[in-house]
């Protein structure tokens, strides 16, 4: 089994039902916080970007994360909670992945492939300085990368 950047095993989906259960828990806000990992975030974004028009998908991802956080008692602070720049960065990553992989594949294979390629949650630091990415402005609004542009 492969490992993520923090040496935990990478979640591999076996069935579409597993992904649907993740989505259901996310949407109703009762998915345990320990299960809403970086890989789960990627899977949620992938689902919406495949199943919804792009603008709707972005809004559903953004609003869904904020609703989930509220249901879990997670407040937006300077150090935690919803992060607009991170959300939009990862949506960009998932869109780029789908452009290369195509959206016609099996959802399970697409999700596992996305996690295998982009499971490293530190990827934004290739594009952003830590100072800019962790700023209050970046948490509240989209900010452009200061190290490496998104192409």
C-alpha atoms as a PDB file:
ATOM      1  CA  UNK A   1       0.000   0.000   0.000  1.00  0.00           C
ATOM      2  CA  UNK A   2       1.260   3.475  -0.853  1.00  0.00           C
ATOM      3  CA  UNK A   3       1.763   6.166   1.755  1.00  0.00           C
ATOM      4  CA  UNK A   4       0.838   9.814   1.755  1.00  0.00           C
ATOM      5  CA  UNK A   5       3.272  12.626   2.551  1.00  0.00           C
ATOM      6  CA  UNK A   6       2.559  12.223   6.273  1.00  0.00           C
ATOM      7  CA  UNK A   7       3.247   8.444   6.138  1.00  0.00           C
ATOM      8  CA  UNK A   8      -0.378   7.400   6.630  1.00  0.00           C
ATOM      9  CA  UNK A   9      -1.692   4.811   4.176  1.00  0.00           C
ATOM     10  CA  UNK A  10      -3.391   6.297   1.130  1.00  0.00           C
ATOM     11  CA  UNK A  11      -7.135   5.692   1.090  1.00  0.00           C
ATOM     12  CA  UNK A  12      -8.054   3.606  -1.927  1.00  0.00           C
ATOM     13  CA  UNK A  13     -11.682   3.381  -2.866  1.00  0.00           C
ATOM     14  CA  UNK A  14     -12.975  -0.028  -3.862  1.00  0.00           C
ATOM     15  CA  UNK A  15     -16.560   0.857  -4.766  1.00  0.00           C
ATOM     16  CA  UNK A  16     -18.651   3.751  -5.972  1.00  0.00           C
ATOM     17  CA  UNK A  17     -20.803   3.237  -2.870  1.00  0.00           C
ATOM     18  CA  UNK A  18     -17.840   4.222  -0.647  1.00  0.00           C
ATOM     19  CA  UNK A  19     -17.559   7.526  -2.522  1.00  0.00           C
ATOM     20  CA  UNK A  20     -21.315   8.106  -2.340  1.00  0.00           C
ATOM     21  CA  UNK A  21     -21.263   7.504   1.426  1.00  0.00           C
ATOM     22  CA  UNK A  22     -18.436  10.032   1.781  1.00  0.00           C
ATOM     23  CA  UNK A  23     -20.488  12.566  -0.201  1.00  0.00           C
ATOM     24  CA  UNK A  24     -23.621  11.886   1.837  1.00  0.00           C
ATOM     25  CA  UNK A  25     -21.785  12.348   5.143  1.00  0.00           C
ATOM     26  CA  UNK A  26     -20.141  15.509   3.827  1.00  0.00           C
ATOM     27  CA  UNK A  27     -23.404  16.976   2.571  1.00  0.00           C
ATOM     28  CA  UNK A  28     -25.368  16.327   5.766  1.00  0.00           C
ATOM     29  CA  UNK A  29     -22.407  17.322   7.954  1.00  0.00           C
ATOM     30  CA  UNK A  30     -22.116  14.112   9.960  1.00  0.00           C
ATOM     31  CA  UNK A  31     -18.967  12.699   8.379  1.00  0.00           C
ATOM     32  CA  UNK A  32     -16.521  12.284  11.280  1.00  0.00           C
ATOM     33  CA  UNK A  33     -13.850  14.993  11.160  1.00  0.00           C
ATOM     34  CA  UNK A  34     -11.123  12.349  11.170  1.00  0.00           C
ATOM     35  CA  UNK A  35     -12.561  11.037   7.879  1.00  0.00           C
ATOM     36  CA  UNK A  36     -12.683  14.426   6.127  1.00  0.00           C
ATOM     37  CA  UNK A  37      -9.038  14.161   5.157  1.00  0.00           C
ATOM     38  CA  UNK A  38      -7.190  15.860   2.319  1.00  0.00           C
ATOM     39  CA  UNK A  39      -7.982  12.805   0.176  1.00  0.00           C
ATOM     40  CA  UNK A  40     -11.672  13.107   1.054  1.00  0.00           C
ATOM     41  CA  UNK A  41     -11.603  16.803   0.113  1.00  0.00           C
ATOM     42  CA  UNK A  42     -10.103  15.863  -3.266  1.00  0.00           C
ATOM     43  CA  UNK A  43     -12.761  13.204  -3.809  1.00  0.00           C
ATOM     44  CA  UNK A  44     -15.584  15.626  -2.998  1.00  0.00           C
ATOM     45  CA  UNK A  45     -14.169  18.190  -5.431  1.00  0.00           C
ATOM     46  CA  UNK A  46     -13.766  15.514  -8.101  1.00  0.00           C
ATOM     47  CA  UNK A  47     -17.377  14.392  -7.680  1.00  0.00           C
ATOM     48  CA  UNK A  48     -18.818  17.879  -8.069  1.00  0.00           C
ATOM     49  CA  UNK A  49     -16.539  18.826 -10.960  1.00  0.00           C
ATOM     50  CA  UNK A  50     -17.640  15.696 -12.839  1.00  0.00           C
ATOM     51  CA  UNK A  51     -21.342  15.910 -12.019  1.00  0.00           C
ATOM     52  CA  UNK A  52     -22.060  19.661 -12.127  1.00  0.00           C
ATOM     53  CA  UNK A  53     -21.338  22.581 -14.426  1.00  0.00           C
ATOM     54  CA  UNK A  54     -18.073  24.184 -13.300  1.00  0.00           C
ATOM     55  CA  UNK A  55     -19.501  27.341 -11.686  1.00  0.00           C
ATOM     56  CA  UNK A  56     -22.094  25.275  -9.809  1.00  0.00           C
ATOM     57  CA  UNK A  57     -19.425  22.758  -8.767  1.00  0.00           C
ATOM     58  CA  UNK A  58     -17.206  25.510  -7.354  1.00  0.00           C
ATOM     59  CA  UNK A  59     -20.106  26.980  -5.382  1.00  0.00           C
ATOM     60  CA  UNK A  60     -21.176  23.558  -4.104  1.00  0.00           C
ATOM     61  CA  UNK A  61     -17.621  22.757  -2.981  1.00  0.00           C
ATOM     62  CA  UNK A  62     -17.130  26.148  -1.306  1.00  0.00           C
ATOM     63  CA  UNK A  63     -20.572  26.218   0.344  1.00  0.00           C
ATOM     64  CA  UNK A  64     -20.388  22.538   1.253  1.00  0.00           C
ATOM     65  CA  UNK A  65     -17.079  22.898   3.086  1.00  0.00           C
ATOM     66  CA  UNK A  66     -18.376  25.906   4.978  1.00  0.00           C
ATOM     67  CA  UNK A  67     -21.632  24.097   5.894  1.00  0.00           C
ATOM     68  CA  UNK A  68     -19.698  20.989   6.930  1.00  0.00           C
ATOM     69  CA  UNK A  69     -17.356  23.072   9.089  1.00  0.00           C
ATOM     70  CA  UNK A  70     -20.320  24.821  10.742  1.00  0.00           C
ATOM     71  CA  UNK A  71     -21.974  21.459  11.458  1.00  0.00           C
ATOM     72  CA  UNK A  72     -18.707  20.290  13.039  1.00  0.00           C
ATOM     73  CA  UNK A  73     -18.271  23.477  15.082  1.00  0.00           C
ATOM     74  CA  UNK A  74     -15.226  24.608  13.104  1.00  0.00           C
ATOM     75  CA  UNK A  75     -14.989  28.393  13.056  1.00  0.00           C
ATOM     76  CA  UNK A  76     -13.080  30.514  10.579  1.00  0.00           C
ATOM     77  CA  UNK A  77     -10.148  32.079  12.397  1.00  0.00           C
ATOM     78  CA  UNK A  78      -6.813  33.445  11.277  1.00  0.00           C
ATOM     79  CA  UNK A  79      -5.319  30.002  11.978  1.00  0.00           C
ATOM     80  CA  UNK A  80      -8.061  27.596  10.970  1.00  0.00           C
ATOM     81  CA  UNK A  81     -11.344  26.832   9.286  1.00  0.00           C
ATOM     82  CA  UNK A  82     -12.383  27.434   5.704  1.00  0.00           C
ATOM     83  CA  UNK A  83      -9.623  28.708   3.395  1.00  0.00           C
ATOM     84  CA  UNK A  84     -10.724  30.262   0.078  1.00  0.00           C
ATOM     85  CA  UNK A  85      -7.338  30.235  -1.653  1.00  0.00           C
ATOM     86  CA  UNK A  86      -6.672  26.607  -0.709  1.00  0.00           C
ATOM     87  CA  UNK A  87     -10.142  25.588  -1.875  1.00  0.00           C
ATOM     88  CA  UNK A  88      -9.736  27.270  -5.246  1.00  0.00           C
ATOM     89  CA  UNK A  89      -6.174  26.013  -5.627  1.00  0.00           C
ATOM     90  CA  UNK A  90      -7.285  22.403  -5.146  1.00  0.00           C
ATOM     91  CA  UNK A  91     -10.219  22.900  -7.515  1.00  0.00           C
ATOM     92  CA  UNK A  92      -7.661  24.064 -10.087  1.00  0.00           C
ATOM     93  CA  UNK A  93      -5.616  20.906  -9.421  1.00  0.00           C
ATOM     94  CA  UNK A  94      -8.644  18.629  -9.818  1.00  0.00           C
ATOM     95  CA  UNK A  95      -9.734  20.400 -13.018  1.00  0.00           C
ATOM     96  CA  UNK A  96      -6.206  19.991 -14.402  1.00  0.00           C
ATOM     97  CA  UNK A  97      -6.246  16.305 -13.454  1.00  0.00           C
ATOM     98  CA  UNK A  98      -9.617  15.801 -15.177  1.00  0.00           C
ATOM     99  CA  UNK A  99      -8.387  17.585 -18.311  1.00  0.00           C
ATOM    100  CA  UNK A 100      -5.519  15.086 -18.513  1.00  0.00           C
ATOM    101  CA  UNK A 101      -7.385  11.953 -17.359  1.00  0.00           C
ATOM    102  CA  UNK A 102     -10.765  12.675 -18.918  1.00  0.00           C
ATOM    103  CA  UNK A 103     -14.021  12.553 -16.978  1.00  0.00           C
ATOM    104  CA  UNK A 104     -15.455   9.507 -18.752  1.00  0.00           C
ATOM    105  CA  UNK A 105     -13.538   6.985 -16.641  1.00  0.00           C
ATOM    106  CA  UNK A 106     -14.835   5.006 -13.710  1.00  0.00           C
ATOM    107  CA  UNK A 107     -15.331   7.314 -10.697  1.00  0.00           C
ATOM    108  CA  UNK A 108     -13.447   4.914  -8.410  1.00  0.00           C
ATOM    109  CA  UNK A 109     -10.452   4.824 -10.756  1.00  0.00           C
ATOM    110  CA  UNK A 110     -10.525   8.599 -11.217  1.00  0.00           C
ATOM    111  CA  UNK A 111     -10.636   9.203  -7.451  1.00  0.00           C
ATOM    112  CA  UNK A 112      -7.826   6.742  -6.763  1.00  0.00           C
ATOM    113  CA  UNK A 113      -5.754   8.222  -9.588  1.00  0.00           C
ATOM    114  CA  UNK A 114      -6.314  11.760  -8.314  1.00  0.00           C
ATOM    115  CA  UNK A 115      -5.227  10.796  -4.809  1.00  0.00           C
ATOM    116  CA  UNK A 116      -2.180   8.958  -6.138  1.00  0.00           C
ATOM    117  CA  UNK A 117      -1.125  11.992  -8.199  1.00  0.00           C
ATOM    118  CA  UNK A 118      -2.098  14.820  -5.856  1.00  0.00           C
ATOM    119  CA  UNK A 119      -2.346  13.328  -2.392  1.00  0.00           C
ATOM    120  CA  UNK A 120       0.493  15.502  -1.113  1.00  0.00           C
ATOM    121  CA  UNK A 121      -1.329  18.261   0.756  1.00  0.00           C
ATOM    122  CA  UNK A 122       1.835  20.414   0.688  1.00  0.00           C
ATOM    123  CA  UNK A 123       1.576  20.978  -3.079  1.00  0.00           C
ATOM    124  CA  UNK A 124       0.291  24.562  -2.645  1.00  0.00           C
ATOM    125  CA  UNK A 125       3.653  25.472  -1.099  1.00  0.00           C
ATOM    126  CA  UNK A 126       5.250  24.941  -4.502  1.00  0.00           C
ATOM    127  CA  UNK A 127       3.198  27.906  -5.694  1.00  0.00           C
ATOM    128  CA  UNK A 128       2.805  30.006  -2.550  1.00  0.00           C
ATOM    129  CA  UNK A 129       5.123  31.166   0.177  1.00  0.00           C
ATOM    130  CA  UNK A 130       3.917  29.906   3.555  1.00  0.00           C
ATOM    131  CA  UNK A 131       3.528  33.513   4.703  1.00  0.00           C
ATOM    132  CA  UNK A 132       1.159  34.418   1.859  1.00  0.00           C
ATOM    133  CA  UNK A 133      -0.782  31.148   1.947  1.00  0.00           C
ATOM    134  CA  UNK A 134      -1.358  31.340   5.701  1.00  0.00           C
ATOM    135  CA  UNK A 135      -2.361  35.011   5.586  1.00  0.00           C
ATOM    136  CA  UNK A 136      -5.814  36.166   6.623  1.00  0.00           C
ATOM    137  CA  UNK A 137      -6.304  37.631   3.143  1.00  0.00           C
ATOM    138  CA  UNK A 138      -5.641  34.233   1.500  1.00  0.00           C
ATOM    139  CA  UNK A 139      -7.979  32.526   3.955  1.00  0.00           C
ATOM    140  CA  UNK A 140     -10.815  34.951   3.192  1.00  0.00           C
ATOM    141  CA  UNK A 141     -10.254  35.635  -0.539  1.00  0.00           C
ATOM    142  CA  UNK A 142      -8.509  34.201  -3.570  1.00  0.00           C
ATOM    143  CA  UNK A 143      -4.909  35.372  -3.879  1.00  0.00           C
ATOM    144  CA  UNK A 144      -2.588  34.693  -6.778  1.00  0.00           C
ATOM    145  CA  UNK A 145       0.522  32.567  -6.135  1.00  0.00           C
ATOM    146  CA  UNK A 146       3.710  34.440  -5.347  1.00  0.00           C
ATOM    147  CA  UNK A 147       6.235  31.681  -6.183  1.00  0.00           C
ATOM    148  CA  UNK A 148       5.015  29.832  -9.254  1.00  0.00           C
ATOM    149  CA  UNK A 149       2.012  30.776 -11.412  1.00  0.00           C
ATOM    150  CA  UNK A 150      -0.852  28.369 -12.041  1.00  0.00           C
ATOM    151  CA  UNK A 151      -0.744  27.242 -15.654  1.00  0.00           C
END
